């Protein structure tokens, strides 16, 4: 699976679980951190954790465990790192505070297709 396919699959899954303000940003030409960032917002801390847990479980079942997961102790941001794709799931307050959309505005916004579940 390519990095773009993984990022698109993750975005579609998060969308199917009612994540809000989903963005997929290609950063491979401006950073060595990853090829893509997926940024999503959950309604509250519980929703953020549920989104992260279910995404991790779903991709592990496909043989794609994340390299690392950070932020479960945080009340505002969980990061799931697949190496070439990094997924950030925020509360609204956390997303506004860290403003990754602005920080990575030089990246290219990528279109992805919502799941038809």
C-alpha atoms as a PDB file:
ATOM      1  CA  UNK A   1       0.000   0.000   0.000  1.00  0.00           C
ATOM      2  CA  UNK A   2       1.398   3.403  -0.958  1.00  0.00           C
ATOM      3  CA  UNK A   3       1.604   6.308   1.463  1.00  0.00           C
ATOM      4  CA  UNK A   4      -1.177   8.092  -0.398  1.00  0.00           C
ATOM      5  CA  UNK A   5      -3.415   5.022  -0.245  1.00  0.00           C
ATOM      6  CA  UNK A   6      -2.794   4.688   3.493  1.00  0.00           C
ATOM      7  CA  UNK A   7      -3.510   8.379   4.127  1.00  0.00           C
ATOM      8  CA  UNK A   8      -6.680   8.256   2.022  1.00  0.00           C
ATOM      9  CA  UNK A   9      -7.853   5.044   3.709  1.00  0.00           C
ATOM     10  CA  UNK A  10      -7.276   6.537   7.159  1.00  0.00           C
ATOM     11  CA  UNK A  11      -9.144   9.734   6.246  1.00  0.00           C
ATOM     12  CA  UNK A  12     -12.077   7.773   4.835  1.00  0.00           C
ATOM     13  CA  UNK A  13     -12.241   5.601   7.951  1.00  0.00           C
ATOM     14  CA  UNK A  14     -12.109   8.629  10.272  1.00  0.00           C
ATOM     15  CA  UNK A  15     -14.837  10.253   8.181  1.00  0.00           C
ATOM     16  CA  UNK A  16     -17.029   7.162   8.557  1.00  0.00           C
ATOM     17  CA  UNK A  17     -16.625   7.472  12.342  1.00  0.00           C
ATOM     18  CA  UNK A  18     -17.813  11.094  12.328  1.00  0.00           C
ATOM     19  CA  UNK A  19     -14.443  12.852  12.611  1.00  0.00           C
ATOM     20  CA  UNK A  20     -14.682  16.500  11.612  1.00  0.00           C
ATOM     21  CA  UNK A  21     -12.496  18.927   9.639  1.00  0.00           C
ATOM     22  CA  UNK A  22     -10.529  16.155   7.930  1.00  0.00           C
ATOM     23  CA  UNK A  23      -7.437  17.194   5.991  1.00  0.00           C
ATOM     24  CA  UNK A  24      -4.870  15.165   4.114  1.00  0.00           C
ATOM     25  CA  UNK A  25      -1.721  17.186   3.436  1.00  0.00           C
ATOM     26  CA  UNK A  26       1.177  16.028   1.271  1.00  0.00           C
ATOM     27  CA  UNK A  27       4.396  17.177   2.934  1.00  0.00           C
ATOM     28  CA  UNK A  28       6.997  14.905   1.310  1.00  0.00           C
ATOM     29  CA  UNK A  29       8.502  17.761  -0.732  1.00  0.00           C
ATOM     30  CA  UNK A  30       8.820  20.125   2.243  1.00  0.00           C
ATOM     31  CA  UNK A  31       9.713  17.834   5.154  1.00  0.00           C
ATOM     32  CA  UNK A  32      11.497  14.599   5.961  1.00  0.00           C
ATOM     33  CA  UNK A  33       9.017  13.832   8.778  1.00  0.00           C
ATOM     34  CA  UNK A  34       6.553  11.964   6.574  1.00  0.00           C
ATOM     35  CA  UNK A  35       4.953  11.940   3.145  1.00  0.00           C
ATOM     36  CA  UNK A  36       1.460  12.809   4.406  1.00  0.00           C
ATOM     37  CA  UNK A  37      -0.281  14.226   7.450  1.00  0.00           C
ATOM     38  CA  UNK A  38      -3.899  13.363   8.141  1.00  0.00           C
ATOM     39  CA  UNK A  39      -5.507  15.838  10.528  1.00  0.00           C
ATOM     40  CA  UNK A  40      -8.904  15.218  12.114  1.00  0.00           C
ATOM     41  CA  UNK A  41     -11.031  16.632  14.915  1.00  0.00           C
ATOM     42  CA  UNK A  42     -13.116  14.678  17.402  1.00  0.00           C
ATOM     43  CA  UNK A  43     -16.121  16.072  19.271  1.00  0.00           C
ATOM     44  CA  UNK A  44     -14.578  15.498  22.721  1.00  0.00           C
ATOM     45  CA  UNK A  45     -11.776  13.573  24.479  1.00  0.00           C
ATOM     46  CA  UNK A  46     -13.724  10.315  24.381  1.00  0.00           C
ATOM     47  CA  UNK A  47     -14.396  10.654  20.656  1.00  0.00           C
ATOM     48  CA  UNK A  48     -10.711  11.443  19.983  1.00  0.00           C
ATOM     49  CA  UNK A  49      -9.630   8.282  21.846  1.00  0.00           C
ATOM     50  CA  UNK A  50     -12.288   6.172  20.132  1.00  0.00           C
ATOM     51  CA  UNK A  51     -11.193   7.426  16.696  1.00  0.00           C
ATOM     52  CA  UNK A  52      -7.545   6.622  17.446  1.00  0.00           C
ATOM     53  CA  UNK A  53      -8.327   3.204  18.957  1.00  0.00           C
ATOM     54  CA  UNK A  54     -10.560   2.111  16.095  1.00  0.00           C
ATOM     55  CA  UNK A  55      -8.198   3.371  13.388  1.00  0.00           C
ATOM     56  CA  UNK A  56      -5.239   1.610  15.002  1.00  0.00           C
ATOM     57  CA  UNK A  57      -7.262  -1.614  15.391  1.00  0.00           C
ATOM     58  CA  UNK A  58      -8.553  -1.533  11.818  1.00  0.00           C
ATOM     59  CA  UNK A  59      -5.131  -0.974  10.257  1.00  0.00           C
ATOM     60  CA  UNK A  60      -3.456  -3.547  12.533  1.00  0.00           C
ATOM     61  CA  UNK A  61      -6.020  -6.079  11.292  1.00  0.00           C
ATOM     62  CA  UNK A  62      -4.769  -5.326   7.770  1.00  0.00           C
ATOM     63  CA  UNK A  63      -1.178  -5.967   8.845  1.00  0.00           C
ATOM     64  CA  UNK A  64      -0.351  -2.283   9.268  1.00  0.00           C
ATOM     65  CA  UNK A  65       0.440  -1.570  12.925  1.00  0.00           C
ATOM     66  CA  UNK A  66       1.644   1.975  13.670  1.00  0.00           C
ATOM     67  CA  UNK A  67       5.317   2.510  14.472  1.00  0.00           C
ATOM     68  CA  UNK A  68       4.237   4.514  17.513  1.00  0.00           C
ATOM     69  CA  UNK A  69       1.275   6.148  19.177  1.00  0.00           C
ATOM     70  CA  UNK A  70       1.558   9.222  21.393  1.00  0.00           C
ATOM     71  CA  UNK A  71      -0.773  11.413  23.385  1.00  0.00           C
ATOM     72  CA  UNK A  72      -3.194   9.111  25.167  1.00  0.00           C
ATOM     73  CA  UNK A  73      -2.438  10.968  28.385  1.00  0.00           C
ATOM     74  CA  UNK A  74      -3.143  14.259  26.670  1.00  0.00           C
ATOM     75  CA  UNK A  75      -6.659  15.572  26.717  1.00  0.00           C
ATOM     76  CA  UNK A  76      -6.413  17.188  23.324  1.00  0.00           C
ATOM     77  CA  UNK A  77      -4.230  15.343  20.789  1.00  0.00           C
ATOM     78  CA  UNK A  78      -3.346  11.785  19.788  1.00  0.00           C
ATOM     79  CA  UNK A  79      -0.684  11.095  17.165  1.00  0.00           C
ATOM     80  CA  UNK A  80      -0.479   7.802  15.268  1.00  0.00           C
ATOM     81  CA  UNK A  81       2.726   7.357  13.272  1.00  0.00           C
ATOM     82  CA  UNK A  82       2.966   4.957  10.347  1.00  0.00           C
ATOM     83  CA  UNK A  83       6.316   6.381   9.215  1.00  0.00           C
ATOM     84  CA  UNK A  84       5.300   7.793   5.858  1.00  0.00           C
ATOM     85  CA  UNK A  85       1.870   8.821   7.190  1.00  0.00           C
ATOM     86  CA  UNK A  86       1.316  10.615  10.475  1.00  0.00           C
ATOM     87  CA  UNK A  87      -2.228  10.990  11.763  1.00  0.00           C
ATOM     88  CA  UNK A  88      -3.153  13.735  14.209  1.00  0.00           C
ATOM     89  CA  UNK A  89      -6.514  13.510  15.983  1.00  0.00           C
ATOM     90  CA  UNK A  90      -7.427  16.566  18.051  1.00  0.00           C
ATOM     91  CA  UNK A  91     -10.198  17.995  20.151  1.00  0.00           C
ATOM     92  CA  UNK A  92     -11.420  21.287  18.693  1.00  0.00           C
ATOM     93  CA  UNK A  93      -9.488  23.237  21.336  1.00  0.00           C
ATOM     94  CA  UNK A  94      -6.288  21.295  20.661  1.00  0.00           C
ATOM     95  CA  UNK A  95      -6.577  21.769  16.921  1.00  0.00           C
ATOM     96  CA  UNK A  96      -7.113  25.500  17.298  1.00  0.00           C
ATOM     97  CA  UNK A  97      -4.164  25.769  19.701  1.00  0.00           C
ATOM     98  CA  UNK A  98      -1.605  23.815  17.645  1.00  0.00           C
ATOM     99  CA  UNK A  99      -2.972  25.003  14.271  1.00  0.00           C
ATOM    100  CA  UNK A 100      -1.139  22.418  12.169  1.00  0.00           C
ATOM    101  CA  UNK A 101      -3.193  23.438   9.147  1.00  0.00           C
ATOM    102  CA  UNK A 102      -1.494  26.843   9.218  1.00  0.00           C
ATOM    103  CA  UNK A 103       1.946  25.443  10.117  1.00  0.00           C
ATOM    104  CA  UNK A 104       1.848  23.059   7.135  1.00  0.00           C
ATOM    105  CA  UNK A 105       0.100  25.436   4.729  1.00  0.00           C
ATOM    106  CA  UNK A 106       2.996  25.004   2.271  1.00  0.00           C
ATOM    107  CA  UNK A 107       1.973  21.366   1.892  1.00  0.00           C
ATOM    108  CA  UNK A 108      -0.400  20.257  -0.842  1.00  0.00           C
ATOM    109  CA  UNK A 109      -4.003  19.494   0.150  1.00  0.00           C
ATOM    110  CA  UNK A 110      -4.981  16.066  -1.144  1.00  0.00           C
ATOM    111  CA  UNK A 111      -8.466  15.006  -2.209  1.00  0.00           C
ATOM    112  CA  UNK A 112      -9.678  11.724  -0.743  1.00  0.00           C
ATOM    113  CA  UNK A 113     -12.911   9.764  -1.099  1.00  0.00           C
ATOM    114  CA  UNK A 114     -15.263   9.233   1.836  1.00  0.00           C
ATOM    115  CA  UNK A 115     -16.175   5.649   2.710  1.00  0.00           C
ATOM    116  CA  UNK A 116     -19.467   4.341   1.447  1.00  0.00           C
ATOM    117  CA  UNK A 117     -20.164   2.364   4.652  1.00  0.00           C
END
